[in-house]
C-alpha cells in the first residue's frame, strides 16, 4: 500500500478538527391542551429529536429542557429560560425542537428568537418535523414566518374555544374550578359535578351551627384549631386532591377561611361562579350582581334557613362597627416593606399606624388565626429603627473590599490560564491522533479510546472554565452592589436617611422577637447579627 503524503494527512486532520460539534439542547413543551392530542407527548417529542441527532454525527445531546403544561404564547417558561441561560454561558450551541409550535405560538417572539437571537449567539436551530435547519441555506424565512403566524392563530383559536366552553359550562351550572370547595369533591365520573365529602361536610355543618348559635369567628377558630382539623388546602392535599404547591404554609385555620365558608351559597346546593374576569392576563373582581348563580345543581350541606340566619346575624356587627380613626396626614414610606418577620411564628410582620405620627411593627397571626398561633410580637417603629441603625453602624460588615477583590481577581486569572493551557494541550493531542492512526502508530481501537478520552477531558475543562467565568461575573456584580451599599452607609447619618433604596441594598431580612430584640440578615454576610435586649 502506498504511503499517504504528509500534505493529505494534514488536510484530513484539519477537516476533522475544523468540523463544528454542536452541543444540543432538546427543548420540549407540552401545554394543557396538548396533553389531549396524540403525537405531542413528552416521550414522542424526545424520540423525534433523539432520532434526528443520531442521524447527524456533528450533533451531541447535551441537555433536555421540558416545560410541561405551559402555553406557547408566553416565553416566560422556566425550562426555556434555563436553556437561554445555558446558551449565554456556552453550555449549548444548538436548539432542537419537534416543530416550530413547540418553541412558541407567538409569531413575533418566536420569529425574534429564530431570526435574531439564535443567530446573534451562533446557535443552530432545528425544527425536525418542519424540516427547518438554520445551517441549511436553502431554508427560507418566509415559510417560517407563515408557520409561526399559523401557530399563533391556532393558539388564539384554542384559547377562544376554551373560554367559550368555560362560559357555557358556567351558565349551565357546571363546576369549572380547579379544586372543589371544602366540603365537596369533584365527581370522579364528571369533573364538572360536585359530590359531598362526608368528613369535611360535617366540619362545615358544625361551623354554620356555631355561627347560627351566636359564636364569634374567634370561638369558631379556637374550636377548629384546638381539635386540629386540617385547613382546607392541607386537607385537600392529604386526600390527594391538591398538589404540594397548592398547600398553604399555615397550619392554622384563618379568619378569612371561616368567613369564606360562612358566606358561600355553594353549601346550600347552588353553584356560584363568574366572580371575576380576566382581560390581558389581569384578573378583575366583578360585583355580586354580575355573578352567575345556578340553584340546586348539587347536594346541599346546610339548609337555606341556616344560611340565611347566619347572613342576617353577620349584618348587625357590620352596621354597628366603629369607623377607623381618620388621620389627616398620609402614611409615610415604609423602607422595611416585606423584610420584617416574627421571631415566634415566622410569618411576616405588618406596619401599623397607631397615631397621627406614630407607627409600630406587629405580628397579626393571633388576629388572623387564633390565640395560640403566636406568642405575639410588637415593637414601636422608633425603637425598631434605632436598633437596625445601631447594628448597621456597629458591625464591620461594610469595610473596604478592594484588597480582597484584587486577590480574588488574581486567583481567578491564574486558574483560567492553567485551564486554558490544559485545554490547548489536549486539543493538540486530539488533533494529532488521526495522523498517528494514518501512519499506523496506533490501532483504530486505540484511536477511538484515546479520542473519547481527550474529548471528555476537553469537555470537563471547558465546563470548569465556564463555571469560573460565571462565578467571577457573579462576584463582580456582588462587589459592585457592595460598593454601592458602602457609599450608601457612608451617606446615612441618621434614622431619617434610612430609605427604601438603602435598606434594600444592604438588608435581606429582619426578625423581631418577643423581648424586642432583633436579628438582621445582611445581604453580604452569611450570619445574622443580633441587637442587645
Protein backbone atom coordinates (compact mmCIF):
# COMPACT_ATOMS: atom_id res chain seq x y z
CA UNK A 1 0.00 0.00 0.00
CA UNK A 2 1.30 3.43 -0.95
CA UNK A 3 2.03 5.68 1.99
CA UNK A 4 -0.21 8.79 2.23
CA UNK A 5 1.55 12.08 1.79
CA UNK A 6 2.06 14.36 4.78
CA UNK A 7 0.05 17.09 2.99
CA UNK A 8 -3.01 14.82 2.60
CA UNK A 9 -2.83 13.78 6.25
CA UNK A 10 -2.70 17.43 7.35
CA UNK A 11 -5.70 18.29 5.17
CA UNK A 12 -7.76 15.41 6.58
CA UNK A 13 -6.75 16.32 10.13
CA UNK A 14 -7.68 19.97 9.59
CA UNK A 15 -11.07 18.97 8.12
CA UNK A 16 -11.81 16.78 11.15
CA UNK A 17 -10.77 19.32 13.78
CA UNK A 18 -12.43 22.23 11.92
CA UNK A 19 -15.78 20.47 11.92
CA UNK A 20 -18.05 22.04 14.50
CA UNK A 21 -19.59 19.75 17.08
CA UNK A 22 -22.97 21.04 18.23
CA UNK A 23 -23.94 20.59 21.87
CA UNK A 24 -27.69 20.22 21.55
CA UNK A 25 -30.34 21.43 23.94
CA UNK A 26 -33.54 19.47 23.21
CA UNK A 27 -36.49 21.73 24.03
CA UNK A 28 -39.82 20.06 24.77
CA UNK A 29 -43.07 21.84 25.57
CA UNK A 30 -46.47 20.39 26.37
CA UNK A 31 -49.44 22.66 27.05
CA UNK A 32 -52.56 21.65 28.96
CA UNK A 33 -54.47 21.32 25.69
CA UNK A 34 -51.63 19.38 24.02
CA UNK A 35 -52.00 16.64 26.65
CA UNK A 36 -55.24 15.68 24.94
CA UNK A 37 -53.64 15.48 21.49
CA UNK A 38 -51.88 12.48 20.01
CA UNK A 39 -48.29 12.85 18.81
CA UNK A 40 -47.25 15.68 21.12
CA UNK A 41 -46.43 13.75 24.31
CA UNK A 42 -43.11 14.39 26.04
CA UNK A 43 -41.91 10.88 25.13
CA UNK A 44 -42.82 11.37 21.45
CA UNK A 45 -41.00 14.71 21.25
CA UNK A 46 -37.92 13.19 22.90
CA UNK A 47 -37.92 10.26 20.47
CA UNK A 48 -38.20 12.51 17.39
CA UNK A 49 -35.35 14.79 18.49
CA UNK A 50 -33.14 11.86 19.56
CA UNK A 51 -33.63 10.10 16.20
CA UNK A 52 -32.61 13.29 14.38
CA UNK A 53 -29.46 13.67 16.49
CA UNK A 54 -28.45 10.04 15.87
CA UNK A 55 -28.58 10.72 12.11
CA UNK A 56 -26.27 13.74 12.45
CA UNK A 57 -22.74 12.87 13.70
CA UNK A 58 -21.94 16.55 14.28
CA UNK A 59 -24.61 16.77 16.99
CA UNK A 60 -24.47 15.57 20.60
CA UNK A 61 -27.36 15.79 23.06
CA UNK A 62 -26.15 17.87 26.00
CA UNK A 63 -29.36 18.74 27.89
CA UNK A 64 -33.13 18.25 27.71
CA UNK A 65 -35.42 21.11 28.76
CA UNK A 66 -39.09 20.35 29.49
CA UNK A 67 -41.93 22.82 30.11
CA UNK A 68 -44.97 20.73 31.00
CA UNK A 69 -48.45 22.26 30.98
CA UNK A 70 -47.37 25.74 29.79
CA UNK A 71 -48.76 27.86 26.96
CA UNK A 72 -46.63 28.70 23.94
CA UNK A 73 -47.93 32.26 23.77
CA UNK A 74 -45.59 33.42 26.53
CA UNK A 75 -41.83 32.79 26.68
CA UNK A 76 -41.66 33.22 30.46
CA UNK A 77 -41.27 29.47 30.93
CA UNK A 78 -38.76 28.07 33.46
CA UNK A 79 -37.14 25.43 31.25
CA UNK A 80 -36.98 27.76 28.22
CA UNK A 81 -35.33 30.49 30.29
CA UNK A 82 -32.84 27.93 31.66
CA UNK A 83 -31.99 26.94 28.08
CA UNK A 84 -31.36 30.60 27.19
CA UNK A 85 -29.10 30.95 30.25
CA UNK A 86 -27.13 27.85 29.14
CA UNK A 87 -26.75 29.37 25.66
CA UNK A 88 -25.40 32.56 27.22
CA UNK A 89 -22.70 30.71 29.14
CA UNK A 90 -21.77 28.47 26.18
CA UNK A 91 -23.07 25.18 27.55
CA UNK A 92 -25.14 24.54 24.39
CA UNK A 93 -24.90 25.96 20.87
CA UNK A 94 -27.86 24.24 19.22
CA UNK A 95 -31.58 24.15 19.99
CA UNK A 96 -33.68 21.29 18.63
CA UNK A 97 -37.48 21.04 18.81
CA UNK A 98 -40.05 18.66 17.38
CA UNK A 99 -41.67 21.50 15.39
CA UNK A 100 -41.96 25.28 15.45
CA UNK A 101 -45.11 25.24 17.59
CA UNK A 102 -43.12 23.64 20.45
CA UNK A 103 -40.79 26.65 20.56
CA UNK A 104 -43.75 29.03 20.76
CA UNK A 105 -47.11 30.11 19.40
CA UNK A 106 -46.42 33.84 19.42
CA UNK A 107 -45.40 34.83 15.90
CA UNK A 108 -43.45 37.96 16.84
CA UNK A 109 -41.45 36.50 19.74
CA UNK A 110 -40.87 33.15 18.01
CA UNK A 111 -39.61 34.99 14.93
CA UNK A 112 -37.30 37.09 17.12
CA UNK A 113 -35.61 34.03 18.63
CA UNK A 114 -35.26 32.22 15.28
CA UNK A 115 -34.18 35.18 13.14
CA UNK A 116 -32.39 37.44 15.62
CA UNK A 117 -31.43 35.92 18.96
CA UNK A 118 -30.15 32.46 17.92
CA UNK A 119 -28.01 33.82 15.03
CA UNK A 120 -26.55 36.54 17.30
CA UNK A 121 -25.37 33.82 19.70
CA UNK A 122 -24.18 31.49 16.90
CA UNK A 123 -26.79 28.97 17.98
CA UNK A 124 -28.06 26.48 15.44
CA UNK A 125 -31.83 25.96 15.45
CA UNK A 126 -33.58 22.82 14.22
CA UNK A 127 -37.32 22.13 13.96
CA UNK A 128 -37.37 18.46 12.94
CA UNK A 129 -40.92 17.90 11.65
CA UNK A 130 -40.97 21.29 9.89
CA UNK A 131 -37.75 20.33 8.07
CA UNK A 132 -36.06 23.52 9.22
CA UNK A 133 -32.35 23.77 10.00
CA UNK A 134 -30.73 27.20 10.30
CA UNK A 135 -27.49 25.70 8.92
CA UNK A 136 -29.24 24.86 5.65
CA UNK A 137 -29.04 27.92 3.40
CA UNK A 138 -31.94 26.64 1.28
CA UNK A 139 -34.45 27.25 4.10
CA UNK A 140 -36.39 30.48 3.62
CA UNK A 141 -37.66 32.74 6.37
CA UNK A 142 -40.95 33.46 4.57
CA UNK A 143 -42.29 29.94 5.14
CA UNK A 144 -41.13 30.03 8.77
CA UNK A 145 -42.94 33.32 9.36
CA UNK A 146 -46.10 31.90 7.82
CA UNK A 147 -45.94 28.81 10.03
CA UNK A 148 -45.39 30.96 13.12
CA UNK A 149 -48.45 33.04 12.26
CA UNK A 150 -50.50 29.88 11.74
CA UNK A 151 -49.32 28.52 15.10
CA UNK A 152 -50.27 31.78 16.84
CA UNK A 153 -53.69 31.82 15.16
CA UNK A 154 -54.21 28.22 16.24
CA UNK A 155 -53.33 29.08 19.87
CA UNK A 156 -55.69 32.06 19.87
CA UNK A 157 -58.45 29.94 18.35
CA UNK A 158 -57.98 27.26 21.01
CA UNK A 159 -57.96 29.94 23.72
CA UNK A 160 -61.24 31.38 22.42
CA UNK A 161 -62.82 27.93 22.27
CA UNK A 162 -61.71 27.13 25.83
CA UNK A 163 -63.13 30.44 27.11
CA UNK A 164 -66.39 29.88 25.25
CA UNK A 165 -66.69 26.35 26.63
CA UNK A 166 -65.96 27.59 30.16
CA UNK A 167 -68.62 30.32 29.90
CA UNK A 168 -71.16 27.81 28.57
CA UNK A 169 -70.40 25.42 31.47
CA UNK A 170 -70.78 28.27 33.98
CA UNK A 171 -74.19 29.22 32.53
CA UNK A 172 -75.28 25.58 32.67
CA UNK A 173 -74.32 25.33 36.34
CA UNK A 174 -71.31 23.07 35.76
CA UNK A 175 -68.37 23.39 38.16
CA UNK A 176 -65.28 24.78 36.37
CA UNK A 177 -62.87 25.39 39.28
CA UNK A 178 -59.50 23.73 39.66
CA UNK A 179 -60.25 22.37 43.15
CA UNK A 180 -63.60 21.58 44.75
CA UNK A 181 -64.59 23.85 47.67
CA UNK A 182 -64.02 22.48 51.18
CA UNK A 183 -66.86 20.05 51.97
CA UNK A 184 -67.13 18.76 48.40
CA UNK A 185 -65.16 16.65 45.94
CA UNK A 186 -65.23 16.52 42.17
CA UNK A 187 -67.30 13.62 40.87
CA UNK A 188 -64.79 11.05 39.51
CA UNK A 189 -67.18 10.33 36.63
CA UNK A 190 -67.74 14.00 35.73
CA UNK A 191 -65.31 16.69 36.91
CA UNK A 192 -67.99 19.37 36.33
CA UNK A 193 -70.19 17.94 39.09
CA UNK A 194 -69.72 18.06 42.86
CA UNK A 195 -70.34 15.33 45.41
CA UNK A 196 -70.36 15.68 49.21
CA UNK A 197 -67.19 14.80 51.14
CA UNK A 198 -68.71 13.35 54.32
CA UNK A 199 -65.85 14.21 56.68
CA UNK A 200 -65.34 17.82 55.55
CA UNK A 201 -69.12 18.33 55.22
CA UNK A 202 -69.54 17.57 58.93
CA UNK A 203 -66.96 20.25 59.76
CA UNK A 204 -68.81 22.75 57.53
CA UNK A 205 -72.13 21.95 59.26
CA UNK A 206 -70.54 22.50 62.68
CA UNK A 207 -69.10 25.85 61.57
CA UNK A 208 -72.55 27.04 60.41
CA UNK A 209 -74.26 25.74 63.57
CA UNK A 210 -71.78 27.56 65.81
CA UNK A 211 -72.23 30.78 63.83
CA UNK A 212 -76.05 30.46 63.92
CA UNK A 213 -75.88 29.96 67.72
CA UNK A 214 -74.02 33.26 68.11
CA UNK A 215 -70.44 32.01 68.40
CA UNK A 216 -67.83 34.53 67.20
CA UNK A 217 -65.26 33.87 64.49
CA UNK A 218 -62.57 33.70 67.18
CA UNK A 219 -64.52 30.99 69.04
CA UNK A 220 -65.02 29.01 65.81
CA UNK A 221 -61.30 29.31 65.04
CA UNK A 222 -60.39 28.10 68.53
CA UNK A 223 -62.64 25.05 68.10
CA UNK A 224 -61.17 24.19 64.70
CA UNK A 225 -57.54 24.67 65.72
CA UNK A 226 -57.83 23.09 69.19
CA UNK A 227 -59.36 19.99 67.59
CA UNK A 228 -56.52 20.03 64.99
CA UNK A 229 -58.76 20.00 61.92
CA UNK A 230 -56.62 20.42 58.81
CA UNK A 231 -57.08 23.69 56.93
CA UNK A 232 -58.96 23.37 53.60
CA UNK A 233 -55.85 23.35 51.37
CA UNK A 234 -53.97 20.96 53.68
CA UNK A 235 -56.97 18.66 53.91
CA UNK A 236 -57.31 18.51 50.11
CA UNK A 237 -53.58 17.78 49.89
CA UNK A 238 -53.90 14.99 52.49
CA UNK A 239 -56.54 13.20 50.38
CA UNK A 240 -54.63 13.70 47.11
CA UNK A 241 -56.87 16.44 45.69
CA UNK A 242 -54.26 19.23 45.79
CA UNK A 243 -50.56 19.48 44.93
CA UNK A 244 -47.81 20.46 47.36
CA UNK A 245 -47.66 23.90 45.73
CA UNK A 246 -51.38 24.43 46.45
CA UNK A 247 -50.92 23.60 50.14
CA UNK A 248 -50.89 26.66 52.40
CA UNK A 249 -47.79 27.12 54.63
CA UNK A 250 -50.12 28.00 57.54
CA UNK A 251 -51.13 25.09 59.76
CA UNK A 252 -53.95 27.02 61.47
CA UNK A 253 -57.39 27.96 60.24
CA UNK A 254 -57.67 31.64 59.40
CA UNK A 255 -60.35 34.26 59.89
CA UNK A 256 -60.62 34.58 56.12
CA UNK A 257 -61.14 30.83 55.59
CA UNK A 258 -64.04 30.68 58.05
CA UNK A 259 -65.66 33.83 56.66
CA UNK A 260 -65.33 32.45 53.13
CA UNK A 261 -67.22 29.27 54.12
CA UNK A 262 -69.95 31.12 56.02
CA UNK A 263 -70.66 33.45 53.09
CA UNK A 264 -70.64 30.83 50.30
CA UNK A 265 -74.01 29.83 48.85
CA UNK A 266 -72.49 26.71 47.35
CA UNK A 267 -73.22 24.91 50.65
CA UNK A 268 -76.96 25.43 50.01
CA UNK A 269 -76.69 23.44 46.77
CA UNK A 270 -76.31 26.48 44.46
CA UNK A 271 -73.44 26.96 42.03
CA UNK A 272 -71.91 30.45 42.35
CA UNK A 273 -69.31 31.24 39.67
CA UNK A 274 -68.11 34.02 37.37
CA UNK A 275 -66.93 36.16 40.29
CA UNK A 276 -64.06 37.58 38.28
CA UNK A 277 -63.00 38.17 34.70
CA UNK A 278 -59.52 38.01 33.15
CA UNK A 279 -58.54 40.54 30.49
CA UNK A 280 -54.99 40.62 29.09
CA UNK A 281 -53.86 38.23 31.87
CA UNK A 282 -55.18 40.64 34.55
CA UNK A 283 -57.95 39.37 36.84
CA UNK A 284 -60.69 41.77 37.90
CA UNK A 285 -63.36 41.09 40.54
CA UNK A 286 -66.95 41.53 39.40
CA UNK A 287 -69.79 42.96 41.54
CA UNK A 288 -72.15 40.40 43.08
CA UNK A 289 -74.92 41.49 40.69
CA UNK A 290 -72.86 40.06 37.77
CA UNK A 291 -72.12 36.67 39.35
CA UNK A 292 -73.60 33.60 37.66
CA UNK A 293 -75.76 31.73 40.20
CA UNK A 294 -77.49 28.46 39.33
CA UNK A 295 -79.70 26.95 42.03
CA UNK A 296 -79.99 23.28 43.05
CA UNK A 297 -77.07 21.95 40.99
CA UNK A 298 -75.74 19.57 43.66
CA UNK A 299 -76.49 18.13 47.09
CA UNK A 300 -76.63 20.77 49.82
CA UNK A 301 -74.65 20.53 53.08
CA UNK A 302 -76.71 23.04 55.07
CA UNK A 303 -80.29 24.28 54.78
CA UNK A 304 -81.15 27.62 53.23
CA UNK A 305 -82.71 28.65 56.56
CA UNK A 306 -79.43 28.26 58.47
CA UNK A 307 -77.51 30.04 55.73
CA UNK A 308 -79.97 32.97 55.75
CA UNK A 309 -79.87 33.14 59.58
CA UNK A 310 -76.07 33.36 59.58
CA UNK A 311 -76.05 36.10 56.94
CA UNK A 312 -78.62 38.08 58.98
CA UNK A 313 -76.54 37.77 62.16
CA UNK A 314 -73.46 38.97 60.32
CA UNK A 315 -75.12 42.16 59.12
CA UNK A 316 -75.54 43.56 62.64
CA UNK A 317 -71.86 43.80 63.62
CA UNK A 318 -71.07 45.43 60.28
CA UNK A 319 -73.76 48.08 60.78
CA UNK A 320 -72.63 48.90 64.36
CA UNK A 321 -68.90 48.70 63.70
CA UNK A 322 -66.99 51.82 64.69
CA UNK A 323 -65.23 53.72 61.97
CA UNK A 324 -61.47 53.51 61.68
CA UNK A 325 -59.72 56.58 63.14
CA UNK A 326 -59.22 59.18 60.46
CA UNK A 327 -55.78 60.67 60.06
CA UNK A 328 -55.32 63.80 58.03
CA UNK A 329 -51.69 63.17 57.11
CA UNK A 330 -50.92 60.47 54.52
CA UNK A 331 -48.87 57.50 55.71
CA UNK A 332 -45.11 57.80 55.50
CA UNK A 333 -42.93 55.45 53.43
CA UNK A 334 -42.06 52.06 54.94
CA UNK A 335 -38.45 51.29 53.90
CA UNK A 336 -38.67 47.81 55.50
CA UNK A 337 -41.60 46.55 53.43
CA UNK A 338 -41.62 42.71 53.14
CA UNK A 339 -38.39 42.40 55.15
CA UNK A 340 -39.68 42.10 58.76
CA UNK A 341 -40.67 38.71 60.22
CA UNK A 342 -41.93 37.40 63.55
CA UNK A 343 -39.39 35.51 65.66
CA UNK A 344 -42.19 33.45 67.27
CA UNK A 345 -44.33 32.16 64.38
CA UNK A 346 -42.02 33.00 61.47
CA UNK A 347 -44.56 34.89 59.37
CA UNK A 348 -44.39 38.41 58.02
CA UNK A 349 -44.97 41.35 60.37
CA UNK A 350 -47.10 44.32 59.30
CA UNK A 351 -46.53 48.01 59.95
CA UNK A 352 -49.50 49.65 61.68
CA UNK A 353 -50.37 53.27 62.32
CA UNK A 354 -51.15 53.94 65.99
CA UNK A 355 -51.49 57.74 65.91
CA UNK A 356 -51.10 60.71 63.57
CA UNK A 357 -47.30 60.45 63.54
CA UNK A 358 -46.51 57.09 65.15
CA UNK A 359 -46.23 53.54 63.81
CA UNK A 360 -45.40 50.10 65.13
CA UNK A 361 -44.46 46.69 63.73
CA UNK A 362 -46.87 43.99 64.91
CA UNK A 363 -47.46 40.30 64.16
CA UNK A 364 -51.07 39.72 63.04
CA UNK A 365 -51.05 35.93 63.28
CA UNK A 366 -53.12 35.85 66.51
CA UNK A 367 -55.81 38.01 64.90
CA UNK A 368 -55.81 36.16 61.59
CA UNK A 369 -55.70 32.63 63.03
CA UNK A 370 -56.22 32.07 66.74
CA UNK A 371 -54.83 33.00 70.14
CA UNK A 372 -52.25 30.22 70.48
CA UNK A 373 -50.91 30.53 66.92
CA UNK A 374 -48.27 33.06 68.04
CA UNK A 375 -46.90 34.46 71.28
CA UNK A 376 -47.35 38.00 69.95
CA UNK A 377 -44.61 40.38 68.80
CA UNK A 378 -44.86 44.17 68.81
CA UNK A 379 -42.26 46.97 68.66
CA UNK A 380 -42.56 50.70 68.03
CA UNK A 381 -41.09 51.94 64.76
CA UNK A 382 -38.76 54.42 66.51
CA UNK A 383 -37.24 51.69 68.72
CA UNK A 384 -37.09 49.29 65.75
CA UNK A 385 -35.29 51.79 63.51
CA UNK A 386 -32.86 52.66 66.31
CA UNK A 387 -31.87 49.01 66.76
CA UNK A 388 -31.41 48.47 63.00
CA UNK A 389 -29.36 51.68 62.73
CA UNK A 390 -27.09 50.61 65.62
CA UNK A 391 -26.44 47.20 64.03
CA UNK A 392 -25.57 48.80 60.70
CA UNK A 393 -23.11 51.22 62.29
CA UNK A 394 -21.55 48.87 64.87
CA UNK A 395 -20.83 45.76 62.83
CA UNK A 396 -17.96 45.90 60.37
CA UNK A 397 -19.88 44.40 57.51
CA UNK A 398 -19.01 47.15 55.05
CA UNK A 399 -15.28 47.53 55.33
CA UNK A 400 -13.40 48.11 52.11
CA UNK A 401 -13.24 45.10 49.80
CA UNK A 402 -10.59 46.47 47.39
CA UNK A 403 -7.75 44.26 48.65
CA UNK A 404 -9.95 41.16 48.71
CA UNK A 405 -11.24 41.87 45.21
CA UNK A 406 -7.69 42.29 43.81
CA UNK A 407 -6.61 38.97 45.38
CA UNK A 408 -9.68 37.18 44.02
CA UNK A 409 -9.11 38.63 40.52
CA UNK A 410 -5.53 37.35 40.51
CA UNK A 411 -6.56 33.89 41.74
CA UNK A 412 -9.31 33.57 39.12
CA UNK A 413 -6.99 34.69 36.31
CA UNK A 414 -4.34 32.15 37.35
CA UNK A 415 -6.91 29.33 37.40
CA UNK A 416 -8.27 30.30 33.97
CA UNK A 417 -4.75 30.47 32.50
CA UNK A 418 -3.97 27.00 33.85
CA UNK A 419 -7.19 25.58 32.39
CA UNK A 420 -6.55 27.25 29.01
CA UNK A 421 -3.07 25.70 28.95
CA UNK A 422 -4.50 22.23 29.60
CA UNK A 423 -7.21 22.79 27.00
CA UNK A 424 -4.67 23.74 24.33
CA UNK A 425 -2.58 20.72 25.24
CA UNK A 426 -5.46 18.25 24.97
CA UNK A 427 -6.74 19.85 21.74
CA UNK A 428 -3.24 19.49 20.26
CA UNK A 429 -3.12 15.82 21.28
CA UNK A 430 -6.60 15.27 19.80
CA UNK A 431 -5.57 16.94 16.55
CA UNK A 432 -2.54 14.65 16.20
CA UNK A 433 -4.47 11.43 16.82
CA UNK A 434 -5.71 10.97 13.25
CA UNK A 435 -2.20 11.46 11.91
CA UNK A 436 -0.92 8.76 14.29
CA UNK A 437 -3.70 6.44 13.07
CA UNK A 438 -2.91 7.14 9.42
CA UNK A 439 0.78 6.47 9.99
CA UNK A 440 -0.01 3.19 11.73
CA UNK A 441 1.43 4.29 15.07
CA UNK A 442 -1.84 3.39 16.83
CA UNK A 443 -4.66 0.97 16.06
CA UNK A 444 -8.23 2.05 15.25
CA UNK A 445 -9.36 0.73 18.64
CA UNK A 446 -6.67 2.80 20.40
CA UNK A 447 -7.63 5.81 18.27
CA UNK A 448 -11.28 5.66 19.35
CA UNK A 449 -10.42 5.12 23.02
CA UNK A 450 -7.89 7.98 23.09
CA UNK A 451 -10.20 10.27 21.12
CA UNK A 452 -13.03 9.74 23.60
CA UNK A 453 -10.62 10.33 26.48
CA UNK A 454 -9.33 13.64 25.07
CA UNK A 455 -12.88 14.80 24.21
CA UNK A 456 -14.01 14.03 27.76
CA UNK A 457 -11.06 16.00 29.20
CA UNK A 458 -11.76 18.93 26.86
CA UNK A 459 -15.45 18.95 27.83
CA UNK A 460 -14.58 18.81 31.54
CA UNK A 461 -12.03 21.63 31.25
CA UNK A 462 -14.47 23.73 29.21
CA UNK A 463 -17.10 23.29 31.92
CA UNK A 464 -14.58 24.31 34.58
CA UNK A 465 -13.67 27.43 32.63
CA UNK A 466 -17.32 28.36 32.07
CA UNK A 467 -18.08 27.84 35.77
CA UNK A 468 -15.14 30.03 36.76
CA UNK A 469 -16.30 32.78 34.42
CA UNK A 470 -19.86 32.57 35.80
CA UNK A 471 -18.59 32.74 39.39
CA UNK A 472 -16.34 35.66 38.52
CA UNK A 473 -19.20 37.52 36.83
CA UNK A 474 -21.44 36.91 39.84
CA UNK A 475 -18.71 38.05 42.25
CA UNK A 476 -18.11 41.23 40.25
CA UNK A 477 -21.82 42.02 40.42
CA UNK A 478 -21.86 41.36 44.19
CA UNK A 479 -18.77 43.51 44.71
CA UNK A 480 -20.36 46.30 42.71
CA UNK A 481 -23.52 46.10 44.82
CA UNK A 482 -21.39 46.01 47.98
CA UNK A 483 -19.50 49.15 46.96
CA UNK A 484 -22.81 50.92 46.32
CA UNK A 485 -24.01 49.78 49.74
CA UNK A 486 -20.81 51.12 51.34
CA UNK A 487 -21.37 54.52 49.77
CA UNK A 488 -24.99 54.47 50.94
CA UNK A 489 -23.93 53.68 54.52
CA UNK A 490 -21.36 56.48 54.47
CA UNK A 491 -24.07 58.95 53.44
CA UNK A 492 -26.53 57.69 56.06
CA UNK A 493 -26.01 59.89 59.06
CA UNK A 494 -29.30 59.46 60.95
CA UNK A 495 -32.54 57.48 61.14
CA UNK A 496 -34.38 59.73 58.68
CA UNK A 497 -31.94 58.76 55.93
CA UNK A 498 -32.84 55.03 56.09
CA UNK A 499 -34.55 54.97 52.69
CA UNK A 500 -36.06 52.03 50.82
CA UNK A 501 -33.17 52.08 48.33
CA UNK A 502 -30.51 51.88 51.05
CA UNK A 503 -32.30 49.21 53.11
CA UNK A 504 -32.96 47.08 50.01
CA UNK A 505 -29.27 47.19 49.09
CA UNK A 506 -27.92 46.08 52.44
CA UNK A 507 -30.62 44.07 54.28
CA UNK A 508 -32.19 40.77 53.28
CA UNK A 509 -34.31 40.01 56.37
CA UNK A 510 -35.08 41.32 59.87
CA UNK A 511 -36.52 39.12 62.63
CA UNK A 512 -38.24 40.63 65.69
CA UNK A 513 -38.56 38.67 68.95
CA UNK A 514 -40.99 39.00 71.89
CA UNK A 515 -38.33 40.68 74.08
CA UNK A 516 -37.95 43.34 71.29
CA UNK A 517 -34.53 42.02 70.29
CA UNK A 518 -33.97 41.99 66.54
CA UNK A 519 -31.78 39.91 64.24
CA UNK A 520 -30.60 41.33 60.91
CA UNK A 521 -29.51 39.20 57.95
CA UNK A 522 -27.36 41.43 55.76
CA UNK A 523 -27.07 40.71 52.06
CA UNK A 524 -23.29 40.41 52.24
CA UNK A 525 -22.97 38.14 55.27
CA UNK A 526 -23.93 34.51 55.84
CA UNK A 527 -24.75 35.03 59.52
CA UNK A 528 -27.44 37.02 61.33
CA UNK A 529 -26.37 39.71 63.80
CA UNK A 530 -28.41 40.34 66.96
CA UNK A 531 -29.16 43.52 68.85
CA UNK A 532 -28.91 43.91 72.61
CA UNK A 533 -32.07 43.40 74.64
